[in-house]
Each structure stands twice: as C-alpha cells, then as structure tokens.
Protein backbone atom coordinates (compact mmCIF):
# COMPACT_ATOMS: atom_id res chain seq x y z
CA MET A 1 -10.23 -5.50 -10.70
CA HIS A 2 -8.17 -2.71 -12.21
CA ILE A 3 -4.65 -3.79 -11.33
CA PRO A 4 -1.42 -2.69 -13.26
CA ASP A 5 0.16 -4.82 -16.11
CA ALA A 6 2.01 -7.91 -14.43
CA PHE A 7 0.82 -7.32 -10.74
CA LEU A 8 -0.30 -10.77 -10.74
CA PRO A 9 1.97 -13.60 -11.77
CA LEU A 10 0.69 -15.62 -15.04
CA TRP A 11 0.38 -18.94 -13.22
CA GLN A 12 -1.93 -17.33 -10.81
CA SER A 13 -3.75 -15.57 -13.32
CA SER A 14 -4.37 -18.65 -15.12
CA ILE A 15 -5.94 -20.44 -12.06
CA TYR A 16 -8.25 -17.33 -11.76
CA TRP A 17 -9.30 -18.00 -15.45
CA ILE A 18 -9.64 -21.53 -14.63
CA VAL A 19 -12.00 -20.72 -11.90
CA ALA A 20 -14.08 -18.17 -13.44
CA LEU A 21 -14.63 -20.49 -16.89
CA VAL A 22 -16.00 -23.02 -14.46
CA PHE A 23 -18.44 -20.68 -12.76
CA ILE A 24 -19.35 -19.34 -16.49
CA ALA A 25 -20.17 -22.61 -17.60
CA LEU A 26 -22.41 -23.23 -14.19
CA ALA A 27 -24.32 -19.97 -15.10
CA LEU A 28 -25.17 -20.84 -18.46
CA LYS A 29 -25.95 -24.26 -17.18
CA TRP A 30 -28.55 -22.66 -14.88
CA ALA A 31 -29.71 -19.94 -17.20
CA LYS A 32 -30.64 -22.89 -19.86
CA HIS A 33 -32.52 -25.09 -17.70
CA GLU A 34 -33.98 -22.31 -14.78
CA LEU A 35 -34.15 -19.02 -16.42
CA SER A 36 -37.77 -18.53 -17.76
CA GLU A 37 -39.12 -15.48 -19.54
CA ASP A 38 -40.75 -14.19 -16.56
CA LYS A 39 -37.43 -14.12 -14.51
CA ILE A 40 -35.56 -12.12 -17.43
CA PRO A 41 -37.02 -8.45 -16.26
CA LEU A 42 -35.62 -9.20 -12.57
CA VAL A 43 -32.08 -10.52 -13.46
CA ALA A 44 -31.97 -7.31 -15.74
CA VAL A 45 -32.77 -5.13 -13.07
CA LEU A 46 -30.17 -6.77 -10.85
CA ALA A 47 -27.59 -6.48 -13.44
CA ALA A 48 -27.79 -2.75 -13.99
CA GLY A 49 -27.94 -2.42 -10.25
CA ILE A 50 -24.39 -4.43 -10.08
CA PHE A 51 -23.16 -2.09 -12.44
CA ALA A 52 -24.25 0.77 -10.63
CA ILE A 53 -23.11 -0.29 -7.56
CA GLN A 54 -19.56 -1.46 -8.90
CA ALA A 55 -19.16 2.09 -10.45
CA PHE A 56 -17.90 3.36 -6.85
CA ASN A 57 -14.17 2.49 -7.06
CA LEU A 58 -12.48 1.74 -3.36
CA PRO A 59 -8.77 2.46 -2.96
CA VAL A 60 -6.98 -0.72 -1.83
CA ALA A 61 -3.01 -1.51 -0.96
CA MET A 62 -0.27 -0.84 -3.89
CA GLY A 63 -1.95 1.49 -6.09
CA THR A 64 -5.29 -0.56 -6.92
CA SER A 65 -8.73 -0.01 -6.51
CA GLY A 66 -11.76 -2.55 -5.91
CA HIS A 67 -15.40 -2.21 -6.46
CA LEU A 68 -18.33 -2.93 -4.03
CA VAL A 69 -19.68 -6.66 -4.30
CA GLY A 70 -22.79 -6.10 -6.21
CA GLY A 71 -23.15 -9.89 -7.46
CA ALA A 72 -23.10 -11.22 -3.86
CA LEU A 73 -25.77 -8.94 -2.69
CA ALA A 74 -28.07 -9.88 -6.17
CA ALA A 75 -27.50 -13.45 -5.29
CA SER A 76 -28.51 -12.82 -1.83
CA CYS A 77 -31.44 -10.97 -2.52
CA SER A 78 -32.78 -13.17 -5.48
CA ALA A 79 -32.04 -16.68 -4.64
CA HIS A 80 -35.43 -17.17 -3.24
CA ARG A 81 -37.07 -15.51 -6.32
CA MET A 82 -34.91 -17.55 -8.57
CA ARG A 83 -35.75 -21.04 -7.60
CA PRO A 84 -37.78 -23.09 -10.00
CA SER A 85 -41.92 -23.23 -9.43
CA SER A 86 -42.86 -26.24 -7.77
CA SER A 87 -46.36 -26.64 -10.09
C-alpha cells in the first residue's frame, strides 16, 4: 500500500507487521518442504504476473492508492499445482 507518513497509528502498524511475519514464516516453511525444482518456473512466472498486475494503481479514499490483488489470484490459480505429488 502506498500511504502517507503517519496515516496508520504505530500500534496498528505493529499488528500488521506481526501478522506479516507469521505469514512470511509459514511461506518459508512451505518452501523448504514443498518447493521442488520443477515447481520453481511456475512460481517465477506467477511472481512476474503479480508484479505486472500490481503495477496498476487504483485511487482509494483520502488520497491513497491501492493495487489489484495478484497474490490471491496466483494462490487460487496454482493451489492444485503446488500440492505435493502422491508418489
């Protein structure tokens, strides 16, 4: 999000950081156990697509702007492809 300085109170920002760190830890744990070499190109293409989608800024209230949510789209499109193989 692109927001002005001091737009969010410090206590609220701290909560968001804690939530983000939890999800970063979960993502790293998932990558360590589930990400194999054959899945890396798919993840790379999805990351590039997310970057392109999120380049479009949408104006929202009080002079801020938001991005399209490419991460949710990538997660829903790739969920079945990222499951561990049953071999």
